[in-house]
Amino acid sequence: MPYRQFQNLEEVAEYAQGLDERWPEREAVAGHISGQLAGLSSRFSAQVSAPFLQVVELCTGPGRLAARLLADHSHLFLTGFDISGPALAFARARLAPYRGRFRLIQADLNQDGWLDQLPPVVHAVVSMQSLHDLGDECCVDRIYGLARRILTPGGLFINADLLAASPPDPKNPGRLPVQRHLALLQKHGFAPVACTLQAGGFGCFVASVPEDRRPSSH
């Protein structure tokens, strides 16, 4: 069930539980993403004020990853976007212990309106098991390009998502093979790029914005 079809919090809770049961690797994947953020504090220590790192999560959904990041990093402020109002309501309740350190916004990532609601500086963009649901490769590619554009020099993009099956499933055109993810990230000027984890059908891709280069024209 896509997030946009949720009618109430009970449906969101059932869906969230089903995700964790079907993909038990999600806990390890969320921990891996959190670990990748550990080095950003020192990298931006001279720039970060208030004293938060600004992290944007794409497709926050029920707040599984957001809760892990806020629990692990007391210096982190999270801005999360999702198309589903019920999913965001569920996430707000889940994240209540971290009140004052997050902002959740309902938005369609396939449109451009969410770009006007970003924090002034973005140190990291993250997503887990979501971007493939936006559509096909073109939709994923667009998000990669936008992430490159909105990140500050030295920033980090982390996308953990389900990989393409072999042979590819035409019903899931947004699930891409490892090498295709890496090629798209490189095309947009991220460097270095790497697949830092493969587990249970997931691939986690970590891409850095060079500190001395402007965004790619792609």
C-alpha atoms as a PDB file:
ATOM      1  CA  MET A   1       0.000   0.000   0.000  1.00  0.00           C
ATOM      2  CA  PRO A   2       1.594   3.311  -1.043  1.00  0.00           C
ATOM      3  CA  TYR A   3       1.715   5.977   1.651  1.00  0.00           C
ATOM      4  CA  ARG A   4      -0.712   8.173  -0.262  1.00  0.00           C
ATOM      5  CA  GLN A   5      -3.459   5.563   0.256  1.00  0.00           C
ATOM      6  CA  PHE A   6      -3.327   5.552   4.049  1.00  0.00           C
ATOM      7  CA  GLN A   7      -6.630   6.567   5.585  1.00  0.00           C
ATOM      8  CA  ASN A   8      -5.770   6.478   9.290  1.00  0.00           C
ATOM      9  CA  LEU A   9      -3.059   5.815  11.857  1.00  0.00           C
ATOM     10  CA  GLU A  10      -4.068   2.178  12.258  1.00  0.00           C
ATOM     11  CA  GLU A  11      -3.253   1.502   8.610  1.00  0.00           C
ATOM     12  CA  VAL A  12       0.112   3.210   9.003  1.00  0.00           C
ATOM     13  CA  ALA A  13       0.933   1.170  12.111  1.00  0.00           C
ATOM     14  CA  GLU A  14       0.044  -2.072  10.341  1.00  0.00           C
ATOM     15  CA  TYR A  15       2.146  -1.106   7.339  1.00  0.00           C
ATOM     16  CA  ALA A  16       5.144  -0.113   9.466  1.00  0.00           C
ATOM     17  CA  GLN A  17       5.030  -3.394  11.368  1.00  0.00           C
ATOM     18  CA  GLY A  18       4.781  -5.313   8.103  1.00  0.00           C
ATOM     19  CA  LEU A  19       7.873  -3.611   6.718  1.00  0.00           C
ATOM     20  CA  ASP A  20       9.980  -4.616   9.703  1.00  0.00           C
ATOM     21  CA  GLU A  21       8.669  -8.184   9.604  1.00  0.00           C
ATOM     22  CA  ARG A  22       9.217  -8.620   5.870  1.00  0.00           C
ATOM     23  CA  TRP A  23      12.638  -6.954   5.877  1.00  0.00           C
ATOM     24  CA  PRO A  24      14.270  -7.603   9.279  1.00  0.00           C
ATOM     25  CA  GLU A  25      17.465  -6.097   7.817  1.00  0.00           C
ATOM     26  CA  ARG A  26      15.908  -2.639   8.184  1.00  0.00           C
ATOM     27  CA  GLU A  27      17.248  -2.298  11.726  1.00  0.00           C
ATOM     28  CA  ALA A  28      20.812  -2.941  10.591  1.00  0.00           C
ATOM     29  CA  VAL A  29      20.350  -0.673   7.575  1.00  0.00           C
ATOM     30  CA  ALA A  30      19.089   2.186   9.757  1.00  0.00           C
ATOM     31  CA  GLY A  31      22.060   1.680  12.063  1.00  0.00           C
ATOM     32  CA  HIS A  32      24.416   1.749   9.104  1.00  0.00           C
ATOM     33  CA  ILE A  33      22.955   5.038   7.884  1.00  0.00           C
ATOM     34  CA  SER A  34      23.307   6.482  11.378  1.00  0.00           C
ATOM     35  CA  GLY A  35      26.918   5.384  11.501  1.00  0.00           C
ATOM     36  CA  GLN A  36      27.671   7.150   8.240  1.00  0.00           C
ATOM     37  CA  LEU A  37      26.584  10.434   9.832  1.00  0.00           C
ATOM     38  CA  ALA A  38      28.940  10.086  12.779  1.00  0.00           C
ATOM     39  CA  GLY A  39      31.817  11.912  11.113  1.00  0.00           C
ATOM     40  CA  LEU A  40      29.837  14.958  10.021  1.00  0.00           C
ATOM     41  CA  SER A  41      30.055  16.692  13.399  1.00  0.00           C
ATOM     42  CA  SER A  42      33.793  17.174  13.185  1.00  0.00           C
ATOM     43  CA  ARG A  43      33.629  18.020   9.491  1.00  0.00           C
ATOM     44  CA  PHE A  44      31.242  20.918  10.082  1.00  0.00           C
ATOM     45  CA  SER A  45      32.227  21.891  13.625  1.00  0.00           C
ATOM     46  CA  ALA A  46      33.217  25.396  12.537  1.00  0.00           C
ATOM     47  CA  GLN A  47      29.940  25.952  10.663  1.00  0.00           C
ATOM     48  CA  VAL A  48      27.281  24.250  12.755  1.00  0.00           C
ATOM     49  CA  SER A  49      25.356  26.483  15.115  1.00  0.00           C
ATOM     50  CA  ALA A  50      22.596  25.917  17.627  1.00  0.00           C
ATOM     51  CA  PRO A  51      24.383  23.199  17.716  1.00  0.00           C
ATOM     52  CA  PHE A  52      22.582  21.158  15.071  1.00  0.00           C
ATOM     53  CA  LEU A  53      23.571  19.343  11.945  1.00  0.00           C
ATOM     54  CA  GLN A  54      20.810  19.869   9.395  1.00  0.00           C
ATOM     55  CA  VAL A  55      19.659  16.539   7.952  1.00  0.00           C
ATOM     56  CA  VAL A  56      16.899  16.195   5.356  1.00  0.00           C
ATOM     57  CA  GLU A  57      15.060  12.883   5.098  1.00  0.00           C
ATOM     58  CA  LEU A  58      13.217  12.055   1.879  1.00  0.00           C
ATOM     59  CA  CYS A  59      10.097   9.889   2.311  1.00  0.00           C
ATOM     60  CA  THR A  60      10.068   9.898   6.101  1.00  0.00           C
ATOM     61  CA  GLY A  61       6.990   7.662   6.241  1.00  0.00           C
ATOM     62  CA  PRO A  62       6.205   6.327   9.734  1.00  0.00           C
ATOM     63  CA  GLY A  63       9.466   7.723  11.118  1.00  0.00           C
ATOM     64  CA  ARG A  64      11.526   4.551  11.570  1.00  0.00           C
ATOM     65  CA  LEU A  65      14.815   6.031  10.346  1.00  0.00           C
ATOM     66  CA  ALA A  66      14.134   9.483  11.791  1.00  0.00           C
ATOM     67  CA  ALA A  67      13.717   8.019  15.279  1.00  0.00           C
ATOM     68  CA  ARG A  68      17.021   6.165  15.006  1.00  0.00           C
ATOM     69  CA  LEU A  69      18.930   9.229  13.828  1.00  0.00           C
ATOM     70  CA  LEU A  70      17.482  11.544  16.468  1.00  0.00           C
ATOM     71  CA  ALA A  71      18.212   8.994  19.196  1.00  0.00           C
ATOM     72  CA  ASP A  72      21.786   8.426  18.065  1.00  0.00           C
ATOM     73  CA  HIS A  73      22.787  12.049  17.373  1.00  0.00           C
ATOM     74  CA  SER A  74      21.816  14.658  19.956  1.00  0.00           C
ATOM     75  CA  HIS A  75      23.243  17.415  17.749  1.00  0.00           C
ATOM     76  CA  LEU A  76      21.008  16.585  14.762  1.00  0.00           C
ATOM     77  CA  PHE A  77      17.957  18.487  13.486  1.00  0.00           C
ATOM     78  CA  LEU A  78      15.849  16.555  10.983  1.00  0.00           C
ATOM     79  CA  THR A  79      13.558  17.962   8.293  1.00  0.00           C
ATOM     80  CA  GLY A  80      11.431  15.173   6.867  1.00  0.00           C
ATOM     81  CA  PHE A  81       9.253  15.118   3.764  1.00  0.00           C
ATOM     82  CA  ASP A  82       6.524  12.658   2.847  1.00  0.00           C
ATOM     83  CA  ILE A  83       3.414  12.675   0.670  1.00  0.00           C
ATOM     84  CA  SER A  84       1.172  10.997   3.261  1.00  0.00           C
ATOM     85  CA  GLY A  85      -0.552  13.012   5.965  1.00  0.00           C
ATOM     86  CA  PRO A  86      -1.419   9.946   8.086  1.00  0.00           C
ATOM     87  CA  ALA A  87       2.154   8.643   7.863  1.00  0.00           C
ATOM     88  CA  LEU A  88       3.490  11.997   9.031  1.00  0.00           C
ATOM     89  CA  ALA A  89       0.979  12.109  11.891  1.00  0.00           C
ATOM     90  CA  PHE A  90       2.211   8.671  12.963  1.00  0.00           C
ATOM     91  CA  ALA A  91       5.815   9.869  12.700  1.00  0.00           C
ATOM     92  CA  ARG A  92       5.106  12.983  14.793  1.00  0.00           C
ATOM     93  CA  ALA A  93       3.772  10.817  17.604  1.00  0.00           C
ATOM     94  CA  ARG A  94       6.739   8.478  17.322  1.00  0.00           C
ATOM     95  CA  LEU A  95       9.194  11.370  17.430  1.00  0.00           C
ATOM     96  CA  ALA A  96       7.521  13.186  20.335  1.00  0.00           C
ATOM     97  CA  PRO A  97      10.512  12.559  22.666  1.00  0.00           C
ATOM     98  CA  TYR A  98      12.605  14.676  20.283  1.00  0.00           C
ATOM     99  CA  ARG A  99      10.269  17.651  20.113  1.00  0.00           C
ATOM    100  CA  GLY A 100      12.089  20.774  18.969  1.00  0.00           C
ATOM    101  CA  ARG A 101      14.603  18.792  16.911  1.00  0.00           C
ATOM    102  CA  PHE A 102      12.516  17.880  13.883  1.00  0.00           C
ATOM    103  CA  ARG A 103      10.113  19.316  11.350  1.00  0.00           C
ATOM    104  CA  LEU A 104       7.857  17.142   9.172  1.00  0.00           C
ATOM    105  CA  ILE A 105       6.352  18.473   5.962  1.00  0.00           C
ATOM    106  CA  GLN A 106       3.762  16.938   3.652  1.00  0.00           C
ATOM    107  CA  ALA A 107       4.997  17.177   0.072  1.00  0.00           C
ATOM    108  CA  ASP A 108       5.183  15.266  -3.202  1.00  0.00           C
ATOM    109  CA  LEU A 109       8.861  14.720  -3.961  1.00  0.00           C
ATOM    110  CA  ASN A 110       8.057  14.330  -7.658  1.00  0.00           C
ATOM    111  CA  GLN A 111       7.102  18.018  -7.655  1.00  0.00           C
ATOM    112  CA  ASP A 112       9.374  20.950  -6.801  1.00  0.00           C
ATOM    113  CA  GLY A 113       7.451  22.657  -3.985  1.00  0.00           C
ATOM    114  CA  TRP A 114       9.378  20.925  -1.197  1.00  0.00           C
ATOM    115  CA  LEU A 115      12.585  22.611  -2.320  1.00  0.00           C
ATOM    116  CA  ASP A 116      11.241  25.915  -0.958  1.00  0.00           C
ATOM    117  CA  GLN A 117      10.927  24.442   2.538  1.00  0.00           C
ATOM    118  CA  LEU A 118      14.509  23.337   3.095  1.00  0.00           C
ATOM    119  CA  PRO A 119      16.724  24.699   5.873  1.00  0.00           C
ATOM    120  CA  PRO A 120      19.229  27.343   4.696  1.00  0.00           C
ATOM    121  CA  VAL A 121      22.094  24.845   4.930  1.00  0.00           C
ATOM    122  CA  VAL A 122      21.759  21.084   4.407  1.00  0.00           C
ATOM    123  CA  HIS A 123      24.597  18.921   5.716  1.00  0.00           C
ATOM    124  CA  ALA A 124      23.112  15.533   4.818  1.00  0.00           C
ATOM    125  CA  VAL A 125      20.248  14.050   2.805  1.00  0.00           C
ATOM    126  CA  VAL A 126      19.097  10.546   3.728  1.00  0.00           C
ATOM    127  CA  SER A 127      16.457   8.051   2.644  1.00  0.00           C
ATOM    128  CA  MET A 128      15.645   4.422   3.447  1.00  0.00           C
ATOM    129  CA  GLN A 129      13.640   1.956   1.338  1.00  0.00           C
ATOM    130  CA  SER A 130      11.676   4.685  -0.399  1.00  0.00           C
ATOM    131  CA  LEU A 131      13.045   6.362  -3.512  1.00  0.00           C
ATOM    132  CA  HIS A 132      12.226   3.394  -5.752  1.00  0.00           C
ATOM    133  CA  ASP A 133       8.534   4.063  -5.027  1.00  0.00           C
ATOM    134  CA  LEU A 134       8.710   7.502  -6.659  1.00  0.00           C
ATOM    135  CA  GLY A 135       8.605   5.929 -10.131  1.00  0.00           C
ATOM    136  CA  ASP A 136      11.244   4.772 -12.582  1.00  0.00           C
ATOM    137  CA  GLU A 137      14.959   5.461 -12.994  1.00  0.00           C
ATOM    138  CA  CYS A 138      14.259   8.997 -14.193  1.00  0.00           C
ATOM    139  CA  CYS A 139      12.574   9.804 -10.875  1.00  0.00           C
ATOM    140  CA  VAL A 140      15.493   8.427  -8.878  1.00  0.00           C
ATOM    141  CA  ASP A 141      17.946  10.283 -11.113  1.00  0.00           C
ATOM    142  CA  ARG A 142      16.069  13.559 -10.569  1.00  0.00           C
ATOM    143  CA  ILE A 143      16.276  13.160  -6.787  1.00  0.00           C
ATOM    144  CA  TYR A 144      20.000  12.425  -7.002  1.00  0.00           C
ATOM    145  CA  GLY A 145      20.518  15.625  -8.962  1.00  0.00           C
ATOM    146  CA  LEU A 146      18.454  17.676  -6.522  1.00  0.00           C
ATOM    147  CA  ALA A 147      20.307  16.211  -3.551  1.00  0.00           C
ATOM    148  CA  ARG A 148      23.591  17.247  -5.128  1.00  0.00           C
ATOM    149  CA  ARG A 149      22.237  20.751  -5.630  1.00  0.00           C
ATOM    150  CA  ILE A 150      20.883  21.330  -2.133  1.00  0.00           C
ATOM    151  CA  LEU A 151      23.783  19.870  -0.148  1.00  0.00           C
ATOM    152  CA  THR A 152      26.475  22.154   1.184  1.00  0.00           C
ATOM    153  CA  PRO A 153      30.062  21.466   0.048  1.00  0.00           C
ATOM    154  CA  GLY A 154      31.372  18.551   2.079  1.00  0.00           C
ATOM    155  CA  GLY A 155      27.825  17.277   2.637  1.00  0.00           C
ATOM    156  CA  LEU A 156      26.701  13.674   2.456  1.00  0.00           C
ATOM    157  CA  PHE A 157      23.941  11.890   0.545  1.00  0.00           C
ATOM    158  CA  ILE A 158      22.908   8.460   1.845  1.00  0.00           C
ATOM    159  CA  ASN A 159      20.305   6.330   0.110  1.00  0.00           C
ATOM    160  CA  ALA A 160      19.560   2.794   1.283  1.00  0.00           C
ATOM    161  CA  ASP A 161      17.056   1.153  -1.019  1.00  0.00           C
ATOM    162  CA  LEU A 162      15.953  -2.160  -2.436  1.00  0.00           C
ATOM    163  CA  LEU A 163      18.047  -3.259  -5.393  1.00  0.00           C
ATOM    164  CA  ALA A 164      16.827  -4.530  -8.745  1.00  0.00           C
ATOM    165  CA  ALA A 165      15.979  -8.202  -8.913  1.00  0.00           C
ATOM    166  CA  SER A 166      17.637 -10.469 -11.453  1.00  0.00           C
ATOM    167  CA  PRO A 167      16.004 -10.490 -13.911  1.00  0.00           C
ATOM    168  CA  PRO A 168      14.540  -7.002 -13.257  1.00  0.00           C
ATOM    169  CA  ASP A 169      10.899  -6.809 -12.188  1.00  0.00           C
ATOM    170  CA  PRO A 170       8.967  -4.543 -14.600  1.00  0.00           C
ATOM    171  CA  LYS A 171       6.559  -3.744 -11.757  1.00  0.00           C
ATOM    172  CA  ASN A 172       9.411  -2.086  -9.831  1.00  0.00           C
ATOM    173  CA  PRO A 173      11.216   0.129 -12.371  1.00  0.00           C
ATOM    174  CA  GLY A 174      12.687   2.306  -9.619  1.00  0.00           C
ATOM    175  CA  ARG A 175      14.727  -0.559  -8.198  1.00  0.00           C
ATOM    176  CA  LEU A 176      18.151  -0.266  -9.792  1.00  0.00           C
ATOM    177  CA  PRO A 177      21.316  -2.380  -9.731  1.00  0.00           C
ATOM    178  CA  VAL A 178      24.320  -1.265  -7.711  1.00  0.00           C
ATOM    179  CA  GLN A 179      26.362  -0.057 -10.666  1.00  0.00           C
ATOM    180  CA  ARG A 180      23.480   2.035 -11.990  1.00  0.00           C
ATOM    181  CA  HIS A 181      23.068   3.835  -8.667  1.00  0.00           C
ATOM    182  CA  LEU A 182      26.782   4.576  -8.596  1.00  0.00           C
ATOM    183  CA  ALA A 183      26.790   5.808 -12.199  1.00  0.00           C
ATOM    184  CA  LEU A 184      23.896   8.203 -11.578  1.00  0.00           C
ATOM    185  CA  LEU A 185      25.551   9.633  -8.480  1.00  0.00           C
ATOM    186  CA  GLN A 186      28.821  10.136 -10.331  1.00  0.00           C
ATOM    187  CA  LYS A 187      26.984  11.801 -13.194  1.00  0.00           C
ATOM    188  CA  HIS A 188      25.719  14.487 -10.837  1.00  0.00           C
ATOM    189  CA  GLY A 189      29.181  15.254  -9.496  1.00  0.00           C
ATOM    190  CA  PHE A 190      29.255  13.328  -6.245  1.00  0.00           C
ATOM    191  CA  ALA A 191      32.722  12.082  -5.335  1.00  0.00           C
ATOM    192  CA  PRO A 192      33.584   9.727  -3.887  1.00  0.00           C
ATOM    193  CA  VAL A 193      30.592   7.410  -4.210  1.00  0.00           C
ATOM    194  CA  ALA A 194      30.330   3.895  -2.804  1.00  0.00           C
ATOM    195  CA  CYS A 195      27.953   1.076  -2.011  1.00  0.00           C
ATOM    196  CA  THR A 196      28.828   0.652   1.651  1.00  0.00           C
ATOM    197  CA  LEU A 197      26.386  -2.126   2.535  1.00  0.00           C
ATOM    198  CA  GLN A 198      24.456  -4.894   0.801  1.00  0.00           C
ATOM    199  CA  ALA A 199      22.071  -6.901   2.964  1.00  0.00           C
ATOM    200  CA  GLY A 200      18.799  -8.710   2.331  1.00  0.00           C
ATOM    201  CA  GLY A 201      18.129  -7.056  -1.005  1.00  0.00           C
ATOM    202  CA  PHE A 202      19.201  -3.607   0.204  1.00  0.00           C
ATOM    203  CA  GLY A 203      22.056  -1.519  -1.073  1.00  0.00           C
ATOM    204  CA  CYS A 204      23.276   1.533   0.833  1.00  0.00           C
ATOM    205  CA  PHE A 205      24.864   4.249  -1.286  1.00  0.00           C
ATOM    206  CA  VAL A 206      26.978   6.978   0.265  1.00  0.00           C
ATOM    207  CA  ALA A 207      28.024   9.954  -1.839  1.00  0.00           C
ATOM    208  CA  SER A 208      29.968  13.062  -0.861  1.00  0.00           C
ATOM    209  CA  VAL A 209      29.802  16.574  -2.256  1.00  0.00           C
ATOM    210  CA  PRO A 210      33.336  17.753  -3.049  1.00  0.00           C
ATOM    211  CA  GLU A 211      34.264  20.758  -0.957  1.00  0.00           C
ATOM    212  CA  ASP A 212      35.752  22.689  -3.870  1.00  0.00           C
ATOM    213  CA  ARG A 213      33.209  22.102  -6.648  1.00  0.00           C
ATOM    214  CA  ARG A 214      29.847  23.555  -7.632  1.00  0.00           C
ATOM    215  CA  PRO A 215      26.855  21.360  -8.549  1.00  0.00           C
ATOM    216  CA  SER A 216      26.888  19.529 -11.855  1.00  0.00           C
ATOM    217  CA  SER A 217      24.867  21.040 -14.685  1.00  0.00           C
ATOM    218  CA  HIS A 218      22.950  17.763 -15.180  1.00  0.00           C
END
